[in-house]
Amino acid sequence: MIDLTLLREDPERVKRSQTARGVSPETVDAALAADRDRRAAITAFEELRAAQNAHGKRVAQAPKDDKAALVAEAKDLSERVKAAQHAVTAAEEAADAALAKIENIVLDGVPAGGEENFVTLRTHGDVPQFDFEPLDHLALGEKLGAIDMERGTKVSGSRFYFLTGIGARLELALMTLGLDRALAAGFTPMIPPTLVRPEVMRGTGFLGEHADEVYHLDGEDLYLVGTSEVPLAGYHMGEILDFERGPKRYAGWSTCYRREAGSYGKDTRGIIRVHQFNKLEMFVYADPDTAEAEHLRLVDMQEGMLQDLGLAYRVIDVAAGDLGSSAARKYDVEAWVPTQQAYRELTSTSNCTTYQARRLDIRHRPDGGKTQPVATLNGTLATTRWIVALLETHQQADGSVRVPEVLQPYLGGLTVLEPIA
C-alpha cells in the first residue's frame, strides 16, 4: 500500500500519479472516504468497549438489589460492542479494497501514458547487418539441435519447449555468467522456492490487474511465481533490517511460470513468450534515500552484460501506465532482434520504493530511531529469452552461430556453435 499519511495530507499528488497511470483519480476520493469510515468505526468501537469496561466495574460494585438492571444494561452494551466490532471488520475490508486500487506513486519524470509512451534514454551498438537472409532464432535453434518446440508441445502443450544439447548449455552459460557478476558485485546467491503463499504474492502486487497471468494451485492455496522477485520480497517479511553494512542484495536463480493470459496470437513462434523459463533476478532491500542510485546501479549491471554479449540495445523509461502496480519507475533494456526488425525486452528493473515493504511489513531503523519501511528494487540479469537475441545477432550464413568471447569459458572454449548433421 502507499503511505497513508501521504494519501491524507497530499491527495492531489496521489491523484496526479493515478492519472499518469491511466487510472481514475476518483479512486483516491473513494480510498479517502473508506479510510475515514474505517477510522470512525474503530473510534466508535473503542468508545463502546471503554463504556462496557466501565459498566462492568459498576456491576461488580453495585448493591445486590441494583444488579439485575445493571446486568441487563451490560447485555445491551455487549450486543452493541459486538455490532461495532463487526462494523470495524467490514470497514477495514472496504478500506483494504479501496486502498488496493491506489498504485505506487510514480516518481517525478516518469512519462505519462501507456505502453507506447515510453521514452528512449539511450541506444548502444549498431544493429547487425547481413549479406544473407537471416534465420529466426527457432530455425537456428533447430539447426543447432538447441530448441525443440515440437516435442515441448507434445509433452506439455503450446508455449512449452525443450532446450536440448547446446541450447541447454547456452542457457546455463548465460545464467552462470550473470551469477558470477552478481557475486562480484556483492549479491548473495539464492535458489528460492517457486511456490508461495497468497500473502506473499499479494504483498508484491501480483494479484492485482495481472492476477490472470499467475498459476494457482487450488488444493494447496499456493501460487507459482513468475519471477523470483516474489519469494525474495517475502524473504524478510515481518522483519526489521539493519543497513549498517549497506543494502541487502540477493540474486535469485529460479524457474518461472506465467500463464501469458491475453497474449494468444502474439509471439507464438519460438521461445519469446512461453509459460516456463529460467531467470536470474537481482533483488535489493535498501534505505529509501539510496533507492534511486541503487536502481541505476542495477541498470548498469544489465547493460554491462548485454554489451559484453555483443547485443545492440536501447534503454527505455517505461511510461506510468505500463509500470505495474508496484513500480514507481521501471527501465527496460531491449535488444535488437534482426528477423523482427525491432527491439524486444530482455531485462527490466524496477524501483518499487516502499510500496511492497509496507504490504509485507519490512522495516529498518534509520539512525536508531523509529522504524520506517524499506525500499525494494528488482532487475533481471539473465533469462531464457536472451537466447533469441544471441542466436539471431551472431548467426553466420551456414547456420552456425559465433559465441561471444565472454561466454566461451562457460562453454568449454567453444567459439562457434555448429549445425548438427
Protein backbone atom coordinates (compact mmCIF):
# COMPACT_ATOMS: atom_id res chain seq x y z
CA MET A 1 0.00 0.00 0.00
CA ILE A 2 1.02 3.62 -0.27
CA ASP A 3 1.85 5.84 2.70
CA LEU A 4 -1.49 6.66 4.37
CA THR A 5 -0.06 9.94 5.66
CA LEU A 6 0.67 10.97 2.08
CA LEU A 7 -2.83 9.96 0.99
CA ARG A 8 -4.42 12.01 3.77
CA GLU A 9 -2.16 15.07 3.57
CA ASP A 10 -1.48 15.34 -0.17
CA PRO A 11 -4.28 13.56 -2.07
CA GLU A 12 -3.68 15.75 -5.13
CA ARG A 13 -0.23 14.20 -5.60
CA VAL A 14 -1.78 10.74 -5.41
CA LYS A 15 -4.40 11.78 -7.97
CA ARG A 16 -1.70 13.01 -10.36
CA SER A 17 0.05 9.67 -10.06
CA GLN A 18 -3.15 7.71 -10.70
CA THR A 19 -3.98 9.91 -13.69
CA ALA A 20 -0.49 9.39 -15.15
CA ARG A 21 -1.09 5.64 -14.90
CA GLY A 22 -4.40 5.95 -16.70
CA VAL A 23 -6.38 5.22 -13.52
CA SER A 24 -9.35 7.37 -12.48
CA PRO A 25 -8.48 9.94 -9.80
CA GLU A 26 -11.85 9.09 -8.25
CA THR A 27 -10.12 6.04 -6.76
CA VAL A 28 -8.31 8.46 -4.44
CA ASP A 29 -11.55 10.04 -3.21
CA ALA A 30 -13.00 6.57 -2.65
CA ALA A 31 -9.91 5.50 -0.69
CA LEU A 32 -10.03 8.63 1.46
CA ALA A 33 -13.72 8.04 2.22
CA ALA A 34 -13.10 4.39 3.08
CA ASP A 35 -10.18 5.38 5.29
CA ARG A 36 -12.36 7.91 7.15
CA ASP A 37 -15.12 5.32 7.59
CA ARG A 38 -12.62 2.80 8.93
CA ARG A 39 -11.19 5.25 11.47
CA ALA A 40 -14.70 6.32 12.53
CA ALA A 41 -15.73 2.68 13.00
CA ILE A 42 -12.64 2.00 15.13
CA THR A 43 -13.30 5.07 17.25
CA ALA A 44 -16.94 4.07 17.81
CA PHE A 45 -15.90 0.54 18.76
CA GLU A 46 -13.23 1.72 21.19
CA GLU A 47 -15.64 4.17 22.85
CA LEU A 48 -18.26 1.44 23.30
CA ARG A 49 -15.70 -1.00 24.63
CA ALA A 50 -14.45 1.60 27.14
CA ALA A 51 -18.05 2.17 28.24
CA GLN A 52 -18.53 -1.60 28.55
CA ASN A 53 -15.44 -1.91 30.76
CA ALA A 54 -16.55 0.95 32.97
CA HIS A 55 -20.04 -0.53 33.24
CA GLY A 56 -18.57 -3.88 34.21
CA LYS A 57 -16.88 -2.27 37.19
CA ARG A 58 -20.19 -0.67 38.23
CA VAL A 59 -21.91 -4.05 38.08
CA ALA A 60 -19.23 -5.63 40.24
CA GLN A 61 -19.52 -2.90 42.88
CA ALA A 62 -23.32 -2.43 42.78
CA PRO A 63 -25.63 -3.50 45.63
CA LYS A 64 -27.47 -6.76 45.08
CA ASP A 65 -30.82 -5.04 44.52
CA ASP A 66 -29.40 -2.92 41.63
CA LYS A 67 -27.55 -5.69 39.84
CA ALA A 68 -30.43 -7.11 37.81
CA ALA A 69 -30.98 -3.81 35.99
CA LEU A 70 -27.27 -3.23 35.52
CA VAL A 71 -26.75 -6.75 34.13
CA ALA A 72 -29.49 -6.09 31.58
CA GLU A 73 -27.70 -2.90 30.55
CA ALA A 74 -24.47 -4.85 30.33
CA LYS A 75 -26.08 -7.34 27.97
CA ASP A 76 -27.28 -4.50 25.75
CA LEU A 77 -23.80 -2.94 25.77
CA SER A 78 -22.27 -6.30 24.88
CA GLU A 79 -24.52 -6.61 21.82
CA ARG A 80 -23.64 -3.06 20.75
CA VAL A 81 -19.91 -3.79 21.15
CA LYS A 82 -20.26 -6.93 19.01
CA ALA A 83 -22.10 -4.96 16.34
CA ALA A 84 -19.42 -2.26 16.44
CA GLN A 85 -16.70 -4.89 16.10
CA HIS A 86 -18.43 -6.34 13.03
CA ALA A 87 -18.67 -2.79 11.65
CA VAL A 88 -14.91 -2.36 12.13
CA THR A 89 -14.23 -5.60 10.27
CA ALA A 90 -16.47 -4.54 7.38
CA ALA A 91 -14.94 -1.06 7.28
CA GLU A 92 -11.41 -2.47 7.29
CA GLU A 93 -12.25 -4.83 4.42
CA ALA A 94 -13.78 -1.97 2.46
CA ALA A 95 -10.76 0.23 3.14
CA ASP A 96 -8.35 -2.52 2.10
CA ALA A 97 -10.26 -2.97 -1.16
CA ALA A 98 -10.29 0.78 -1.85
CA LEU A 99 -6.62 1.23 -0.96
CA ALA A 100 -5.66 -1.71 -3.17
CA LYS A 101 -6.74 0.38 -6.16
CA ILE A 102 -4.15 3.04 -5.31
CA GLU A 103 -0.97 2.01 -7.10
CA ASN A 104 2.53 3.07 -6.14
CA ILE A 105 3.25 6.78 -6.53
CA VAL A 106 5.22 7.28 -9.74
CA LEU A 107 8.45 9.18 -9.38
CA ASP A 108 8.95 12.63 -10.87
CA GLY A 109 9.94 12.48 -14.52
CA VAL A 110 8.27 9.18 -15.35
CA PRO A 111 6.47 9.63 -18.69
CA ALA A 112 2.67 9.56 -18.51
CA GLY A 113 0.63 7.28 -20.72
CA GLY A 114 0.57 3.64 -21.76
CA GLU A 115 2.87 1.05 -23.33
CA GLU A 116 3.60 3.12 -26.43
CA ASN A 117 4.51 6.29 -24.48
CA PHE A 118 7.93 5.19 -23.24
CA VAL A 119 10.93 7.48 -23.62
CA THR A 120 14.17 6.15 -25.15
CA LEU A 121 17.05 7.19 -22.92
CA ARG A 122 19.91 5.78 -25.00
CA THR A 123 20.89 3.16 -27.55
CA HIS A 124 24.07 1.12 -27.74
CA GLY A 125 25.70 -0.75 -30.59
CA ASP A 126 24.93 -1.00 -34.29
CA VAL A 127 22.06 -3.22 -35.34
CA PRO A 128 23.53 -6.26 -37.17
CA GLN A 129 23.57 -6.28 -40.96
CA PHE A 130 23.75 -9.48 -43.01
CA ASP A 131 24.70 -10.23 -46.62
CA PHE A 132 22.41 -13.27 -46.47
CA GLU A 133 18.81 -13.90 -45.43
CA PRO A 134 18.99 -14.28 -41.63
CA LEU A 135 17.13 -17.10 -39.90
CA ASP A 136 14.98 -16.54 -36.86
CA HIS A 137 16.01 -17.99 -33.52
CA LEU A 138 13.79 -21.06 -33.79
CA ALA A 139 15.12 -22.07 -37.21
CA LEU A 140 18.66 -21.56 -35.92
CA GLY A 141 17.87 -23.44 -32.72
CA GLU A 142 16.55 -26.40 -34.69
CA LYS A 143 19.64 -26.45 -36.93
CA LEU A 144 21.87 -26.40 -33.86
CA GLY A 145 19.87 -29.05 -32.02
CA ALA A 146 19.27 -26.42 -29.34
CA ILE A 147 15.48 -25.89 -29.26
CA ASP A 148 12.72 -28.50 -29.67
CA MET A 149 9.31 -26.83 -29.70
CA GLU A 150 7.52 -29.78 -31.34
CA ARG A 151 8.26 -32.19 -28.52
CA GLY A 152 7.69 -29.48 -25.92
CA THR A 153 4.16 -29.07 -27.28
CA LYS A 154 3.68 -32.85 -27.41
CA VAL A 155 4.65 -33.23 -23.76
CA SER A 156 3.16 -30.08 -22.18
CA GLY A 157 1.09 -28.14 -24.71
CA SER A 158 1.54 -24.87 -26.56
CA ARG A 159 4.24 -22.41 -25.45
CA PHE A 160 6.39 -25.15 -23.95
CA TYR A 161 9.75 -26.34 -25.32
CA PHE A 162 12.85 -28.36 -24.66
CA LEU A 163 16.28 -26.76 -24.62
CA THR A 164 18.50 -29.56 -25.86
CA GLY A 165 22.23 -30.09 -26.24
CA ILE A 166 23.96 -26.79 -26.86
CA GLY A 167 20.71 -24.94 -26.10
CA ALA A 168 20.70 -26.21 -22.52
CA ARG A 169 24.41 -25.45 -22.21
CA LEU A 170 23.92 -21.96 -23.62
CA GLU A 171 21.24 -21.10 -21.05
CA LEU A 172 23.39 -22.43 -18.20
CA ALA A 173 26.32 -20.41 -19.53
CA LEU A 174 24.28 -17.21 -19.60
CA MET A 175 22.89 -17.76 -16.13
CA THR A 176 26.27 -18.66 -14.66
CA LEU A 177 27.92 -15.61 -16.23
CA GLY A 178 25.22 -13.46 -14.66
CA LEU A 179 25.64 -15.17 -11.29
CA ASP A 180 29.42 -14.66 -11.33
CA ARG A 181 28.89 -10.95 -11.99
CA ALA A 182 26.29 -10.70 -9.24
CA LEU A 183 28.70 -12.36 -6.81
CA ALA A 184 31.45 -9.93 -7.78
CA ALA A 185 29.03 -7.06 -7.10
CA GLY A 186 28.26 -8.28 -3.60
CA PHE A 187 25.00 -10.15 -4.17
CA THR A 188 24.14 -13.23 -2.12
CA PRO A 189 23.12 -16.13 -4.38
CA MET A 190 19.72 -17.68 -3.65
CA ILE A 191 17.71 -20.60 -5.02
CA PRO A 192 14.26 -19.65 -3.73
CA PRO A 193 11.03 -21.65 -3.59
CA THR A 194 8.83 -21.18 -6.64
CA LEU A 195 5.56 -21.78 -4.77
CA VAL A 196 4.47 -19.02 -2.40
CA ARG A 197 1.57 -18.24 -0.10
CA PRO A 198 -1.17 -15.79 -1.15
CA GLU A 199 0.00 -13.09 1.27
CA VAL A 200 3.43 -13.02 -0.38
CA MET A 201 2.05 -12.92 -3.92
CA ARG A 202 -0.43 -10.23 -2.88
CA GLY A 203 2.19 -8.27 -0.97
CA THR A 204 4.41 -7.92 -4.02
CA GLY A 205 1.49 -6.64 -6.09
CA PHE A 206 0.99 -9.60 -8.44
CA LEU A 207 -2.64 -10.34 -7.52
CA GLY A 208 -3.97 -7.10 -8.96
CA GLU A 209 -4.73 -6.48 -12.62
CA HIS A 210 -2.26 -9.18 -13.73
CA ALA A 211 -3.63 -11.93 -11.48
CA ASP A 212 -4.87 -13.85 -14.54
CA GLU A 213 -1.25 -14.41 -15.57
CA VAL A 214 -0.43 -16.28 -12.35
CA TYR A 215 -0.80 -20.04 -11.89
CA HIS A 216 -2.71 -21.01 -8.72
CA LEU A 217 -2.78 -24.45 -7.07
CA ASP A 218 -6.29 -24.50 -5.64
CA GLY A 219 -5.83 -27.56 -3.45
CA GLU A 220 -2.80 -26.09 -1.71
CA ASP A 221 -3.69 -22.37 -1.95
CA LEU A 222 -0.21 -21.68 -3.30
CA TYR A 223 0.94 -19.68 -6.32
CA LEU A 224 3.64 -20.50 -8.86
CA VAL A 225 5.88 -17.44 -9.20
CA GLY A 226 6.54 -15.65 -12.47
CA THR A 227 9.79 -14.21 -11.08
CA SER A 228 11.95 -14.87 -8.03
CA GLU A 229 11.24 -11.24 -7.10
CA VAL A 230 8.22 -12.66 -5.26
CA PRO A 231 9.89 -15.13 -2.86
CA LEU A 232 12.86 -12.80 -2.40
CA ALA A 233 10.50 -9.98 -1.41
CA GLY A 234 8.89 -12.33 1.10
CA TYR A 235 12.24 -13.48 2.49
CA HIS A 236 12.39 -10.65 5.05
CA MET A 237 8.61 -10.31 5.51
CA GLY A 238 7.77 -9.04 9.01
CA GLU A 239 11.39 -8.19 9.84
CA ILE A 240 13.39 -5.11 10.82
CA LEU A 241 16.55 -4.89 8.69
CA ASP A 242 19.95 -3.45 9.52
CA PHE A 243 21.59 -1.43 6.73
CA GLU A 244 24.73 -0.60 8.68
CA ARG A 245 26.75 -2.52 6.07
CA GLY A 246 24.69 -1.22 3.17
CA PRO A 247 21.73 -2.58 1.20
CA LYS A 248 20.87 -6.27 1.25
CA ARG A 249 21.39 -7.62 -2.26
CA TYR A 250 20.25 -11.05 -3.43
CA ALA A 251 20.48 -12.89 -6.76
CA GLY A 252 17.72 -15.47 -7.15
CA TRP A 253 18.09 -18.30 -9.69
CA SER A 254 14.74 -19.95 -10.35
CA THR A 255 12.33 -21.42 -12.82
CA CYS A 256 9.44 -19.04 -13.52
CA TYR A 257 5.87 -19.69 -14.68
CA ARG A 258 3.45 -17.38 -16.46
CA ARG A 259 0.06 -18.14 -17.97
CA GLU A 260 0.52 -15.37 -20.58
CA ALA A 261 -3.21 -14.73 -20.42
CA GLY A 262 -4.43 -12.40 -23.13
CA SER A 263 -1.34 -12.94 -25.29
CA TYR A 264 -2.81 -15.54 -27.64
CA GLY A 265 -1.71 -14.88 -31.19
CA LYS A 266 1.36 -12.94 -30.01
CA ASP A 267 4.88 -14.36 -30.33
CA THR A 268 3.59 -17.89 -30.78
CA ARG A 269 6.73 -18.93 -32.65
CA GLY A 270 9.78 -19.85 -30.63
CA ILE A 271 10.71 -19.02 -27.04
CA ILE A 272 9.94 -15.31 -26.77
CA ARG A 273 6.64 -15.72 -24.91
CA VAL A 274 6.41 -19.03 -23.09
CA HIS A 275 4.83 -20.49 -19.96
CA GLN A 276 8.06 -21.65 -18.29
CA PHE A 277 11.58 -20.23 -18.32
CA ASN A 278 14.61 -19.72 -16.12
CA LYS A 279 15.75 -16.39 -14.79
CA LEU A 280 18.44 -14.84 -12.60
CA GLU A 281 16.80 -11.97 -10.73
CA MET A 282 18.53 -9.29 -8.68
CA PHE A 283 16.60 -8.14 -5.64
CA VAL A 284 17.63 -5.35 -3.28
CA TYR A 285 16.41 -4.06 0.08
CA ALA A 286 17.68 -0.52 0.64
CA ASP A 287 17.22 2.70 2.56
CA PRO A 288 14.66 4.71 0.53
CA ASP A 289 17.15 7.59 0.36
CA THR A 290 19.54 5.41 -1.69
CA ALA A 291 16.94 3.63 -3.84
CA GLU A 292 17.30 5.76 -6.98
CA ALA A 293 21.08 5.32 -7.01
CA GLU A 294 20.64 1.59 -6.44
CA HIS A 295 18.21 1.49 -9.37
CA LEU A 296 20.79 2.98 -11.73
CA ARG A 297 23.37 0.51 -10.43
CA LEU A 298 21.15 -2.42 -11.44
CA VAL A 299 20.65 -0.98 -14.93
CA ASP A 300 24.41 -0.53 -15.29
CA MET A 301 24.93 -4.22 -14.48
CA GLN A 302 22.34 -5.23 -17.06
CA GLU A 303 23.89 -3.05 -19.74
CA GLY A 304 27.34 -4.46 -18.96
CA MET A 305 26.05 -7.96 -19.64
CA LEU A 306 24.42 -7.04 -22.96
CA GLN A 307 27.43 -5.06 -24.13
CA ASP A 308 29.80 -7.94 -23.46
CA LEU A 309 27.44 -10.32 -25.26
CA GLY A 310 27.68 -8.10 -28.34
CA LEU A 311 23.99 -7.19 -28.48
CA ALA A 312 22.62 -3.92 -29.82
CA TYR A 313 20.05 -2.50 -27.40
CA ARG A 314 18.18 0.52 -26.15
CA VAL A 315 17.22 1.60 -22.62
CA ILE A 316 13.71 2.96 -22.19
CA ASP A 317 11.98 4.81 -19.37
CA VAL A 318 8.68 2.92 -19.13
CA ALA A 319 5.51 5.04 -19.10
CA ALA A 320 3.42 5.19 -15.94
CA GLY A 321 0.54 3.17 -17.35
CA ASP A 322 2.84 0.25 -18.16
CA LEU A 323 4.68 0.07 -14.82
CA GLY A 324 2.59 -2.44 -12.95
CA SER A 325 1.08 -1.54 -9.61
CA SER A 326 4.26 -1.89 -7.50
CA ALA A 327 6.86 0.00 -9.53
CA ALA A 328 7.40 3.74 -9.11
CA ARG A 329 9.83 3.72 -12.03
CA LYS A 330 10.96 1.00 -14.42
CA TYR A 331 13.71 0.89 -17.01
CA ASP A 332 13.60 -1.77 -19.72
CA VAL A 333 16.63 -2.82 -21.72
CA GLU A 334 15.54 -4.06 -25.14
CA ALA A 335 17.82 -5.91 -27.56
CA TRP A 336 17.56 -5.76 -31.33
CA VAL A 337 16.04 -8.93 -32.85
CA PRO A 338 17.11 -8.96 -36.52
CA THR A 339 14.31 -11.04 -38.04
CA GLN A 340 11.68 -8.94 -36.30
CA GLN A 341 13.43 -5.67 -37.14
CA ALA A 342 12.51 -4.49 -33.67
CA TYR A 343 13.81 -4.07 -30.15
CA ARG A 344 12.43 -6.65 -27.71
CA GLU A 345 12.63 -6.55 -23.93
CA LEU A 346 15.42 -8.64 -22.42
CA THR A 347 15.57 -7.07 -18.98
CA SER A 348 13.57 -4.77 -16.79
CA THR A 349 14.47 -3.23 -13.47
CA SER A 350 12.03 -1.56 -11.10
CA ASN A 351 12.24 0.77 -8.13
CA CYS A 352 9.25 -0.18 -6.00
CA THR A 353 10.12 2.42 -3.33
CA THR A 354 8.31 1.45 -0.08
CA TYR A 355 5.16 0.02 -1.70
CA GLN A 356 5.96 -3.70 -1.33
CA ALA A 357 7.67 -3.25 2.03
CA ARG A 358 4.59 -1.60 3.53
CA ARG A 359 2.44 -4.51 2.41
CA LEU A 360 4.95 -7.09 3.69
CA ASP A 361 5.87 -5.19 6.87
CA ILE A 362 9.61 -4.89 6.16
CA ARG A 363 11.25 -2.02 8.01
CA HIS A 364 14.56 -0.54 9.09
CA ARG A 365 15.51 1.77 11.93
CA PRO A 366 17.36 4.78 10.46
CA ASP A 367 19.78 6.35 12.95
CA GLY A 368 18.41 4.11 15.67
CA GLY A 369 15.07 5.92 15.68
CA LYS A 370 11.53 4.94 14.79
CA THR A 371 11.14 2.09 12.31
CA GLN A 372 10.29 3.01 8.71
CA PRO A 373 9.53 0.95 5.58
CA VAL A 374 12.49 -0.03 3.41
CA ALA A 375 12.66 0.34 -0.36
CA THR A 376 12.71 -2.73 -2.63
CA LEU A 377 14.16 -2.99 -6.13
CA ASN A 378 14.41 -5.79 -8.68
CA GLY A 379 16.04 -6.41 -12.04
CA THR A 380 16.78 -9.29 -14.43
CA LEU A 381 20.41 -10.25 -15.03
CA ALA A 382 19.89 -13.27 -17.32
CA THR A 383 16.96 -15.26 -18.66
CA THR A 384 15.98 -17.80 -21.31
CA ARG A 385 14.74 -15.14 -23.73
CA TRP A 386 18.27 -13.82 -24.18
CA ILE A 387 18.98 -16.86 -26.37
CA VAL A 388 16.69 -15.30 -29.01
CA ALA A 389 18.83 -12.20 -29.49
CA LEU A 390 22.12 -14.10 -29.13
CA LEU A 391 21.38 -16.65 -31.84
CA GLU A 392 19.95 -14.13 -34.30
CA THR A 393 22.63 -11.48 -33.76
CA HIS A 394 25.65 -13.77 -34.03
CA GLN A 395 24.45 -16.12 -36.80
CA GLN A 396 26.51 -16.85 -39.92
CA ALA A 397 25.47 -17.76 -43.45
CA ASP A 398 25.91 -21.52 -42.92
CA GLY A 399 23.59 -21.57 -39.91
CA SER A 400 26.40 -21.57 -37.36
CA VAL A 401 26.49 -19.03 -34.53
CA ARG A 402 29.52 -17.20 -33.15
CA VAL A 403 29.96 -17.44 -29.38
CA PRO A 404 30.67 -14.11 -27.67
CA GLU A 405 34.11 -14.19 -26.07
CA VAL A 406 32.68 -13.64 -22.59
CA LEU A 407 30.64 -16.87 -22.87
CA GLN A 408 33.37 -19.08 -24.30
CA PRO A 409 34.85 -20.16 -20.93
CA TYR A 410 31.38 -21.29 -19.84
CA LEU A 411 31.02 -23.46 -22.97
CA GLY A 412 34.29 -25.34 -22.73
CA GLY A 413 36.10 -22.91 -25.03
CA LEU A 414 33.64 -23.20 -27.92
CA THR A 415 33.97 -20.29 -30.32
CA VAL A 416 31.29 -21.35 -32.81
CA LEU A 417 28.06 -23.31 -32.42
CA GLU A 418 27.82 -25.62 -35.44
CA PRO A 419 24.66 -27.07 -37.02
CA ILE A 420 24.22 -30.74 -36.23
CA ALA A 421 24.31 -33.33 -39.03
